C-alpha atoms as a PDB file:
ATOM      1  CA  MET A   1       0.000   0.000   0.000  1.00  0.00           C
ATOM      2  CA  LYS A   2       1.284   3.457  -0.904  1.00  0.00           C
ATOM      3  CA  ASN A   3       2.099   6.117   1.686  1.00  0.00           C
ATOM      4  CA  LYS A   4      -0.229   9.092   1.860  1.00  0.00           C
ATOM      5  CA  ASN A   5       2.861  11.168   2.626  1.00  0.00           C
ATOM      6  CA  LYS A   6       5.654  12.088   0.294  1.00  0.00           C
ATOM      7  CA  GLY A   7       8.039   9.206  -0.346  1.00  0.00           C
ATOM      8  CA  LEU A   8      11.564   8.707   0.908  1.00  0.00           C
ATOM      9  CA  ILE A   9      14.774   8.728  -1.100  1.00  0.00           C
ATOM     10  CA  ILE A  10      16.850   5.676  -0.165  1.00  0.00           C
ATOM     11  CA  ILE A  11      20.451   5.697  -1.349  1.00  0.00           C
ATOM     12  CA  LEU A  12      22.501   2.503  -1.620  1.00  0.00           C
ATOM     13  CA  SER A  13      26.200   2.804  -2.419  1.00  0.00           C
ATOM     14  CA  SER A  14      29.097   0.395  -2.402  1.00  0.00           C
ATOM     15  CA  PRO A  15      32.178  -0.491  -4.345  1.00  0.00           C
ATOM     16  CA  SER A  16      31.608  -2.657  -7.417  1.00  0.00           C
ATOM     17  CA  GLY A  17      31.247  -6.284  -6.341  1.00  0.00           C
ATOM     18  CA  ALA A  18      29.931  -5.638  -2.820  1.00  0.00           C
ATOM     19  CA  GLY A  19      26.411  -6.810  -3.682  1.00  0.00           C
ATOM     20  CA  LYS A  20      24.576  -3.487  -3.961  1.00  0.00           C
ATOM     21  CA  SER A  21      22.732  -4.252  -7.207  1.00  0.00           C
ATOM     22  CA  SER A  22      21.631  -7.710  -6.034  1.00  0.00           C
ATOM     23  CA  LEU A  23      20.422  -6.260  -2.739  1.00  0.00           C
ATOM     24  CA  ALA A  24      18.558  -3.460  -4.539  1.00  0.00           C
ATOM     25  CA  LYS A  25      16.874  -5.979  -6.848  1.00  0.00           C
ATOM     26  CA  GLU A  26      15.698  -8.064  -3.890  1.00  0.00           C
ATOM     27  CA  LEU A  27      14.445  -5.013  -1.973  1.00  0.00           C
ATOM     28  CA  LEU A  28      12.379  -4.035  -5.008  1.00  0.00           C
ATOM     29  CA  ARG A  29      10.974  -7.566  -5.202  1.00  0.00           C
ATOM     30  CA  ILE A  30       9.842  -7.683  -1.567  1.00  0.00           C
ATOM     31  CA  ASP A  31       8.479  -4.126  -1.213  1.00  0.00           C
ATOM     32  CA  ASP A  32       5.802  -2.720  -3.527  1.00  0.00           C
ATOM     33  CA  ASN A  33       6.331   0.811  -2.189  1.00  0.00           C
ATOM     34  CA  LEU A  34       9.909   0.921  -3.556  1.00  0.00           C
ATOM     35  CA  CYS A  35      10.741   2.069  -7.078  1.00  0.00           C
ATOM     36  CA  LEU A  36      14.189   2.078  -8.601  1.00  0.00           C
ATOM     37  CA  SER A  37      15.497   5.409  -9.757  1.00  0.00           C
ATOM     38  CA  ILE A  38      16.299   5.279 -13.456  1.00  0.00           C
ATOM     39  CA  SER A  39      19.358   7.269 -14.464  1.00  0.00           C
ATOM     40  CA  ALA A  40      20.200   8.969 -17.700  1.00  0.00           C
ATOM     41  CA  THR A  41      23.590   8.070 -19.169  1.00  0.00           C
ATOM     42  CA  THR A  42      25.815   8.730 -22.146  1.00  0.00           C
ATOM     43  CA  ARG A  43      27.226   5.216 -22.172  1.00  0.00           C
ATOM     44  CA  LYS A  44      26.147   2.840 -24.919  1.00  0.00           C
ATOM     45  CA  SER A  45      23.319   0.461 -24.083  1.00  0.00           C
ATOM     46  CA  ARG A  46      24.282  -3.126 -23.335  1.00  0.00           C
ATOM     47  CA  LEU A  47      22.576  -6.203 -24.702  1.00  0.00           C
ATOM     48  CA  GLY A  48      19.083  -6.502 -23.247  1.00  0.00           C
ATOM     49  CA  GLU A  49      18.941  -2.996 -21.761  1.00  0.00           C
ATOM     50  CA  GLN A  50      15.849  -0.978 -22.581  1.00  0.00           C
ATOM     51  CA  GLU A  51      15.273   2.765 -22.841  1.00  0.00           C
ATOM     52  CA  GLY A  52      13.304   4.002 -19.813  1.00  0.00           C
ATOM     53  CA  VAL A  53      13.654   0.679 -18.016  1.00  0.00           C
ATOM     54  CA  ASN A  54      17.390   0.364 -17.351  1.00  0.00           C
ATOM     55  CA  TYR A  55      18.500   3.887 -18.336  1.00  0.00           C
ATOM     56  CA  TYR A  56      17.527   6.911 -20.361  1.00  0.00           C
ATOM     57  CA  PHE A  57      20.233   6.836 -23.029  1.00  0.00           C
ATOM     58  CA  LYS A  58      21.459  10.274 -24.119  1.00  0.00           C
ATOM     59  CA  THR A  59      24.166  11.646 -26.360  1.00  0.00           C
ATOM     60  CA  LYS A  60      26.877  13.707 -24.702  1.00  0.00           C
ATOM     61  CA  SER A  61      25.415  16.927 -26.151  1.00  0.00           C
ATOM     62  CA  GLU A  62      21.869  16.021 -24.985  1.00  0.00           C
ATOM     63  CA  PHE A  63      23.149  15.282 -21.487  1.00  0.00           C
ATOM     64  CA  GLU A  64      25.151  18.515 -21.313  1.00  0.00           C
ATOM     65  CA  GLU A  65      22.071  20.490 -22.408  1.00  0.00           C
ATOM     66  CA  LEU A  66      20.074  18.869 -19.589  1.00  0.00           C
ATOM     67  CA  ILE A  67      22.837  19.877 -17.145  1.00  0.00           C
ATOM     68  CA  LYS A  68      22.509  23.493 -18.335  1.00  0.00           C
ATOM     69  CA  GLN A  69      18.742  23.275 -17.774  1.00  0.00           C
ATOM     70  CA  ASP A  70      19.322  22.058 -14.173  1.00  0.00           C
ATOM     71  CA  SER A  71      17.305  18.923 -14.985  1.00  0.00           C
ATOM     72  CA  PHE A  72      19.257  16.527 -12.731  1.00  0.00           C
ATOM     73  CA  LEU A  73      18.937  15.814  -9.029  1.00  0.00           C
ATOM     74  CA  GLU A  74      22.543  14.643  -9.274  1.00  0.00           C
ATOM     75  CA  TYR A  75      25.011  13.767 -12.002  1.00  0.00           C
ATOM     76  CA  ALA A  76      28.612  12.668 -12.333  1.00  0.00           C
ATOM     77  CA  LYS A  77      31.106  11.649 -14.949  1.00  0.00           C
ATOM     78  CA  ILE A  78      32.347   8.097 -14.352  1.00  0.00           C
ATOM     79  CA  TYR A  79      34.675   6.161 -16.640  1.00  0.00           C
ATOM     80  CA  ASP A  80      34.278   8.868 -19.348  1.00  0.00           C
ATOM     81  CA  ASN A  81      30.469   8.675 -19.336  1.00  0.00           C
ATOM     82  CA  TYR A  82      27.878  10.889 -17.701  1.00  0.00           C
ATOM     83  CA  TYR A  83      25.284   9.437 -15.325  1.00  0.00           C
ATOM     84  CA  GLY A  84      22.498  11.483 -13.745  1.00  0.00           C
ATOM     85  CA  THR A  85      19.062  11.303 -12.180  1.00  0.00           C
ATOM     86  CA  PRO A  86      16.265  13.304 -13.813  1.00  0.00           C
ATOM     87  CA  LYS A  87      14.554  15.500 -11.186  1.00  0.00           C
ATOM     88  CA  LYS A  88      11.028  15.305 -12.630  1.00  0.00           C
ATOM     89  CA  TYR A  89      11.040  11.499 -12.667  1.00  0.00           C
ATOM     90  CA  VAL A  90      11.967  11.299  -8.967  1.00  0.00           C
ATOM     91  CA  GLU A  91       9.612  14.092  -7.898  1.00  0.00           C
ATOM     92  CA  ASN A  92       6.673  12.372  -9.614  1.00  0.00           C
ATOM     93  CA  LEU A  93       7.339   9.114  -7.755  1.00  0.00           C
ATOM     94  CA  LEU A  94       7.848  10.839  -4.381  1.00  0.00           C
ATOM     95  CA  ASN A  95       4.640  12.830  -4.803  1.00  0.00           C
ATOM     96  CA  GLN A  96       2.770   9.543  -5.302  1.00  0.00           C
ATOM     97  CA  GLY A  97       4.052   8.445  -1.881  1.00  0.00           C
ATOM     98  CA  LEU A  98       6.506   5.944  -3.343  1.00  0.00           C
ATOM     99  CA  ASP A  99      10.015   5.522  -1.966  1.00  0.00           C
ATOM    100  CA  VAL A 100      12.744   5.856  -4.577  1.00  0.00           C
ATOM    101  CA  LEU A 101      15.749   3.550  -4.321  1.00  0.00           C
ATOM    102  CA  PHE A 102      19.038   4.850  -5.702  1.00  0.00           C
ATOM    103  CA  ASP A 103      21.920   2.558  -6.671  1.00  0.00           C
ATOM    104  CA  ILE A 104      24.641   5.229  -6.989  1.00  0.00           C
ATOM    105  CA  ASP A 105      28.203   6.143  -6.044  1.00  0.00           C
ATOM    106  CA  TRP A 106      29.355   8.467  -3.252  1.00  0.00           C
ATOM    107  CA  GLN A 107      29.413  11.535  -5.509  1.00  0.00           C
ATOM    108  CA  GLY A 108      25.754  11.120  -6.394  1.00  0.00           C
ATOM    109  CA  ALA A 109      24.876  10.305  -2.797  1.00  0.00           C
ATOM    110  CA  ARG A 110      26.582  13.465  -1.568  1.00  0.00           C
ATOM    111  CA  SER A 111      24.754  15.583  -4.122  1.00  0.00           C
ATOM    112  CA  ILE A 112      21.347  14.102  -3.304  1.00  0.00           C
ATOM    113  CA  LYS A 113      21.900  14.498   0.443  1.00  0.00           C
ATOM    114  CA  GLN A 114      22.680  18.195  -0.146  1.00  0.00           C
ATOM    115  CA  ASN A 115      19.564  18.718  -2.279  1.00  0.00           C
ATOM    116  CA  ALA A 116      16.889  16.537  -0.633  1.00  0.00           C
ATOM    117  CA  VAL A 117      15.562  16.595   2.915  1.00  0.00           C
ATOM    118  CA  ASN A 118      13.834  13.227   2.732  1.00  0.00           C
ATOM    119  CA  ALA A 119      16.908  11.131   1.902  1.00  0.00           C
ATOM    120  CA  ILE A 120      18.649   8.385   3.840  1.00  0.00           C
ATOM    121  CA  SER A 121      21.933   6.840   2.769  1.00  0.00           C
ATOM    122  CA  ILE A 122      23.263   3.326   3.308  1.00  0.00           C
ATOM    123  CA  PHE A 123      26.799   2.271   2.409  1.00  0.00           C
ATOM    124  CA  ILE A 124      27.394  -1.444   1.815  1.00  0.00           C
ATOM    125  CA  LEU A 125      30.879  -2.594   2.737  1.00  0.00           C
ATOM    126  CA  PRO A 126      32.476  -5.832   1.553  1.00  0.00           C
ATOM    127  CA  PRO A 127      33.746  -8.103   4.363  1.00  0.00           C
ATOM    128  CA  SER A 128      37.292  -7.209   3.256  1.00  0.00           C
ATOM    129  CA  LEU A 129      39.154  -5.925   0.199  1.00  0.00           C
ATOM    130  CA  GLU A 130      40.502  -9.431  -0.388  1.00  0.00           C
ATOM    131  CA  ILE A 131      36.999 -10.886  -0.528  1.00  0.00           C
ATOM    132  CA  LEU A 132      35.899  -8.025  -2.781  1.00  0.00           C
ATOM    133  CA  GLU A 133      38.709  -8.839  -5.208  1.00  0.00           C
ATOM    134  CA  GLN A 134      37.722 -12.532  -5.148  1.00  0.00           C
ATOM    135  CA  ARG A 135      34.118 -11.571  -5.961  1.00  0.00           C
ATOM    136  CA  LEU A 136      35.228  -9.397  -8.877  1.00  0.00           C
ATOM    137  CA  ARG A 137      37.413 -12.184 -10.253  1.00  0.00           C
ATOM    138  CA  SER A 138      34.683 -14.815  -9.860  1.00  0.00           C
ATOM    139  CA  ARG A 139      32.282 -12.729 -11.978  1.00  0.00           C
ATOM    140  CA  ALA A 140      34.721 -13.220 -14.882  1.00  0.00           C
ATOM    141  CA  THR A 141      33.470 -10.071 -16.607  1.00  0.00           C
ATOM    142  CA  ASP A 142      36.624  -7.944 -16.329  1.00  0.00           C
ATOM    143  CA  ASP A 143      40.204  -8.297 -17.476  1.00  0.00           C
ATOM    144  CA  GLU A 144      43.138  -7.786 -15.101  1.00  0.00           C
ATOM    145  CA  GLU A 145      43.416  -4.069 -15.867  1.00  0.00           C
ATOM    146  CA  ALA A 146      39.716  -3.508 -15.165  1.00  0.00           C
ATOM    147  CA  ILE A 147      39.966  -5.413 -11.860  1.00  0.00           C
ATOM    148  CA  LYS A 148      42.897  -3.236 -10.775  1.00  0.00           C
ATOM    149  CA  LEU A 149      40.904  -0.137 -11.712  1.00  0.00           C
ATOM    150  CA  ARG A 150      37.835  -1.389  -9.819  1.00  0.00           C
ATOM    151  CA  MET A 151      39.921  -2.177  -6.725  1.00  0.00           C
ATOM    152  CA  ALA A 152      41.485   1.308  -6.757  1.00  0.00           C
ATOM    153  CA  SER A 153      38.005   2.757  -7.175  1.00  0.00           C
ATOM    154  CA  ALA A 154      36.738   0.572  -4.302  1.00  0.00           C
ATOM    155  CA  ARG A 155      39.356   1.970  -1.934  1.00  0.00           C
ATOM    156  CA  ALA A 156      38.362   5.508  -2.889  1.00  0.00           C
ATOM    157  CA  GLU A 157      34.656   4.720  -2.556  1.00  0.00           C
ATOM    158  CA  ILE A 158      35.097   3.101   0.876  1.00  0.00           C
ATOM    159  CA  SER A 159      36.953   6.198   2.102  1.00  0.00           C
ATOM    160  CA  HIS A 160      33.630   8.065   1.798  1.00  0.00           C
ATOM    161  CA  SER A 161      31.551   5.536   3.768  1.00  0.00           C
ATOM    162  CA  ASN A 162      31.655   7.802   6.852  1.00  0.00           C
ATOM    163  CA  GLU A 163      29.453  10.311   4.959  1.00  0.00           C
ATOM    164  CA  TYR A 164      26.499   7.888   5.029  1.00  0.00           C
ATOM    165  CA  ASP A 165      23.717   7.607   7.594  1.00  0.00           C
ATOM    166  CA  TYR A 166      24.275   3.841   7.871  1.00  0.00           C
ATOM    167  CA  THR A 167      26.986   1.344   6.972  1.00  0.00           C
ATOM    168  CA  VAL A 168      26.265  -2.359   6.572  1.00  0.00           C
ATOM    169  CA  THR A 169      28.823  -5.101   5.909  1.00  0.00           C
ATOM    170  CA  ASN A 170      27.671  -7.641   3.338  1.00  0.00           C
ATOM    171  CA  ASP A 171      29.199 -10.897   4.509  1.00  0.00           C
ATOM    172  CA  ASN A 172      25.878 -12.780   4.306  1.00  0.00           C
ATOM    173  CA  PHE A 173      23.344 -11.717   1.671  1.00  0.00           C
ATOM    174  CA  ASN A 174      20.157 -12.561   3.608  1.00  0.00           C
ATOM    175  CA  ASP A 175      21.399 -10.980   6.841  1.00  0.00           C
ATOM    176  CA  THR A 176      22.464  -7.855   4.965  1.00  0.00           C
ATOM    177  CA  LEU A 177      19.121  -7.685   3.166  1.00  0.00           C
ATOM    178  CA  HIS A 178      17.314  -7.954   6.514  1.00  0.00           C
ATOM    179  CA  GLN A 179      19.478  -5.193   8.038  1.00  0.00           C
ATOM    180  CA  ILE A 180      18.839  -2.822   5.137  1.00  0.00           C
ATOM    181  CA  TYR A 181      15.116  -3.531   5.046  1.00  0.00           C
ATOM    182  CA  THR A 182      14.876  -2.952   8.802  1.00  0.00           C
ATOM    183  CA  ILE A 183      16.592   0.431   8.325  1.00  0.00           C
ATOM    184  CA  ILE A 184      14.082   1.356   5.597  1.00  0.00           C
ATOM    185  CA  LEU A 185      11.090   0.344   7.740  1.00  0.00           C
ATOM    186  CA  GLU A 186      12.407   2.306  10.740  1.00  0.00           C
ATOM    187  CA  GLU A 187      13.044   5.391   8.599  1.00  0.00           C
ATOM    188  CA  ARG A 188       9.506   5.190   7.215  1.00  0.00           C
ATOM    189  CA  LYS A 189       8.151   5.160  10.776  1.00  0.00           C
ATOM    190  CA  LYS A 190      10.228   8.240  11.653  1.00  0.00           C
ATOM    191  CA  ARG A 191       9.130  10.168   8.557  1.00  0.00           C
ATOM    192  CA  ASN A 192       5.439   9.282   8.847  1.00  0.00           C
END
């Protein structure tokens, strides 16, 4: 059932390989009041991705024009591509009483926290950097150079975890899911 009040912004961040996307997917499955924020990006679409479902795909010039128009709640340039969250999309969901789940990095989280009063942020830590590297290698989607880049990025990302309202260590998926969902339910009680 939808809230009668304005929805909450729920930010999930973590280094690549810490389980953030899998946790977000499961949260969306178990809670009908959660909607995933859909970002705009200048990166090329991947096989199976759909416009308006996975991303809003934009050219670099289209994205930069939207920046000039102040159309983003947050945006960042990551790995030579822009990523950003359209304001109108999020506002429409919040005004319907839905909570909007963000799967974003620390830069986006910082920007949203500065611009939105109804936002909570949760940082998902890996059990250790060694385990994170094992997870990245077991996915078998990146070459050695990409893994090194992701590990350097992970260290930088983790250094910002103290900026979040909550930190949760993902050493057991179901326990971590329960912790995050409990945080969301408690925050809803506070806000309503």
